[in-house]
């Protein structure tokens, strides 16, 4: 079973809660918007500390350490592919336009024999919770509900 951990960074702007999401990078997601956004997160091994992994993966995918010091455990969800995702919420702010994600390499175009490098998240953006719902990976919508439930 694959495990993934991340940080749902949120802020309040004019009394409205916004969450930071990243658009998945690479050629498979390039023309997709609905369901193509994610909470910054990444895989870790079962013997790793999930919270430490969440903070590490946030920094790798956003390009800066998590700009927060208090965290709330939002628990886990299982995504459609079977991956179990564990998320912590943190209130903080950053300029999404300056985010720089780590990269991955794949053969592209497929069966071409040529390798290309793509960012894991090709852009970051703040969304209010209603706008985030259709954008985010379906299983991760539960984390938006949990944010509301903890009173953010």
Protein backbone atom coordinates (compact mmCIF):
# COMPACT_ATOMS: atom_id res chain seq x y z
CA UNK A 1 0.00 0.00 0.00
CA UNK A 2 1.34 3.43 -0.93
CA UNK A 3 1.36 6.09 1.77
CA UNK A 4 1.38 9.85 1.26
CA UNK A 5 1.44 12.77 3.70
CA UNK A 6 1.02 16.50 3.32
CA UNK A 7 0.01 19.86 4.71
CA UNK A 8 -3.26 21.65 3.92
CA UNK A 9 -2.18 25.27 4.30
CA UNK A 10 -5.10 27.63 4.78
CA UNK A 11 -5.61 31.33 5.36
CA UNK A 12 -8.49 33.69 6.01
CA UNK A 13 -8.92 36.53 3.54
CA UNK A 14 -11.75 39.03 4.09
CA UNK A 15 -13.45 36.51 6.38
CA UNK A 16 -13.29 33.72 3.81
CA UNK A 17 -11.13 30.61 4.24
CA UNK A 18 -8.81 29.75 1.36
CA UNK A 19 -6.72 26.60 0.90
CA UNK A 20 -3.48 26.27 -1.06
CA UNK A 21 -3.64 23.67 -3.84
CA UNK A 22 -1.14 22.59 -6.46
CA UNK A 23 -1.96 21.61 -10.03
CA UNK A 24 -0.41 18.24 -10.85
CA UNK A 25 2.42 18.57 -13.32
CA UNK A 26 3.36 16.57 -16.35
CA UNK A 27 1.78 15.84 -19.71
CA UNK A 28 -1.10 13.72 -18.37
CA UNK A 29 -2.51 16.66 -16.35
CA UNK A 30 -1.56 19.57 -18.63
CA UNK A 31 -5.03 20.09 -20.10
CA UNK A 32 -7.04 19.04 -17.06
CA UNK A 33 -8.42 21.29 -14.35
CA UNK A 34 -11.33 19.56 -12.62
CA UNK A 35 -9.91 16.94 -10.26
CA UNK A 36 -6.33 17.84 -11.22
CA UNK A 37 -5.39 19.83 -8.08
CA UNK A 38 -4.02 18.42 -4.85
CA UNK A 39 -2.94 19.32 -1.35
CA UNK A 40 0.90 19.48 -1.40
CA UNK A 41 1.94 15.98 -0.32
CA UNK A 42 4.20 13.11 -1.20
CA UNK A 43 4.94 9.47 -0.59
CA UNK A 44 6.74 8.08 2.43
CA UNK A 45 7.68 4.64 3.74
CA UNK A 46 5.68 2.90 6.49
CA UNK A 47 8.61 3.15 8.91
CA UNK A 48 8.91 6.95 8.39
CA UNK A 49 7.18 9.47 10.64
CA UNK A 50 4.16 10.69 8.67
CA UNK A 51 4.20 14.25 10.05
CA UNK A 52 7.92 14.67 9.31
CA UNK A 53 7.23 13.38 5.79
CA UNK A 54 4.31 15.81 5.40
CA UNK A 55 6.53 18.79 6.23
CA UNK A 56 9.35 17.53 3.99
CA UNK A 57 6.99 16.96 1.07
CA UNK A 58 5.39 20.39 1.47
CA UNK A 59 8.83 22.00 1.21
CA UNK A 60 9.76 19.87 -1.82
CA UNK A 61 6.53 20.65 -3.66
CA UNK A 62 6.17 24.33 -2.72
CA UNK A 63 9.81 25.33 -2.43
CA UNK A 64 9.71 26.73 1.11
CA UNK A 65 9.23 25.25 4.58
CA UNK A 66 5.67 25.22 5.91
CA UNK A 67 5.02 28.82 7.08
CA UNK A 68 3.23 27.69 10.27
CA UNK A 69 3.97 26.40 13.74
CA UNK A 70 0.64 24.88 14.79
CA UNK A 71 -0.86 21.87 13.07
CA UNK A 72 -4.14 19.94 13.31
CA UNK A 73 -4.25 16.30 12.28
CA UNK A 74 -7.04 15.86 9.70
CA UNK A 75 -6.57 12.10 9.52
CA UNK A 76 -6.45 9.93 6.42
CA UNK A 77 -8.42 9.11 3.30
CA UNK A 78 -7.96 6.36 0.74
CA UNK A 79 -7.79 7.65 -2.83
CA UNK A 80 -9.32 5.72 -5.73
CA UNK A 81 -5.96 4.18 -6.67
CA UNK A 82 -5.58 2.79 -3.15
CA UNK A 83 -3.04 5.31 -1.83
CA UNK A 84 -3.66 6.31 1.80
CA UNK A 85 -3.18 10.06 2.29
CA UNK A 86 -2.58 11.62 5.73
CA UNK A 87 -3.00 15.40 6.00
CA UNK A 88 -2.36 18.02 8.67
CA UNK A 89 -3.93 21.49 8.50
CA UNK A 90 -1.93 24.63 9.27
CA UNK A 91 -2.81 28.29 9.08
CA UNK A 92 -0.23 30.28 7.15
CA UNK A 93 0.37 32.39 4.09
CA UNK A 94 2.73 32.51 1.14
CA UNK A 95 2.87 33.95 -2.35
CA UNK A 96 1.63 31.07 -4.52
CA UNK A 97 3.14 32.67 -7.63
CA UNK A 98 6.66 32.16 -6.24
CA UNK A 99 6.24 28.44 -5.47
CA UNK A 100 8.78 26.15 -7.15
CA UNK A 101 8.16 22.41 -7.11
CA UNK A 102 10.59 19.53 -7.34
CA UNK A 103 10.62 17.61 -10.62
CA UNK A 104 10.26 14.09 -11.98
CA UNK A 105 11.42 12.48 -15.19
CA UNK A 106 9.39 10.30 -17.56
CA UNK A 107 9.61 9.06 -21.10
CA UNK A 108 7.74 11.61 -23.20
CA UNK A 109 6.25 11.30 -25.72
CA UNK A 110 5.41 7.75 -24.74
CA UNK A 111 7.53 5.10 -26.48
CA UNK A 112 9.80 7.82 -27.93
CA UNK A 113 12.85 6.75 -25.94
CA UNK A 114 13.31 10.37 -24.85
CA UNK A 115 13.18 11.40 -21.21
CA UNK A 116 11.70 14.75 -20.19
CA UNK A 117 11.58 16.52 -16.84
CA UNK A 118 8.38 18.01 -15.42
CA UNK A 119 7.50 19.74 -12.14
CA UNK A 120 5.47 17.59 -9.72
CA UNK A 121 3.17 20.60 -9.26
CA UNK A 122 3.26 23.01 -12.17
CA UNK A 123 1.50 25.85 -10.33
CA UNK A 124 0.07 26.72 -6.95
CA UNK A 125 -3.07 28.71 -6.24
CA UNK A 126 -5.28 29.76 -3.33
CA UNK A 127 -8.94 28.71 -3.60
CA UNK A 128 -11.88 29.41 -1.33
CA UNK A 129 -13.39 26.14 -0.12
CA UNK A 130 -16.32 26.19 -2.57
CA UNK A 131 -14.03 26.80 -5.55
CA UNK A 132 -11.59 24.14 -4.31
CA UNK A 133 -14.17 21.33 -4.23
CA UNK A 134 -14.42 20.66 -7.99
CA UNK A 135 -10.69 21.31 -8.50
CA UNK A 136 -9.25 18.92 -5.90
CA UNK A 137 -8.78 15.17 -6.33
CA UNK A 138 -12.15 13.65 -5.40
CA UNK A 139 -11.04 11.73 -2.28
CA UNK A 140 -9.27 14.82 -0.92
CA UNK A 141 -12.56 16.75 -0.76
CA UNK A 142 -13.02 15.01 2.58
CA UNK A 143 -10.13 17.09 3.94
CA UNK A 144 -11.97 20.28 2.97
CA UNK A 145 -14.98 19.03 4.96
CA UNK A 146 -12.69 18.28 7.91
CA UNK A 147 -11.29 21.82 7.76
CA UNK A 148 -14.81 23.15 8.10
CA UNK A 149 -15.52 20.68 10.92
CA UNK A 150 -12.57 21.97 12.99
CA UNK A 151 -13.93 25.49 12.62
CA UNK A 152 -11.48 27.20 10.28
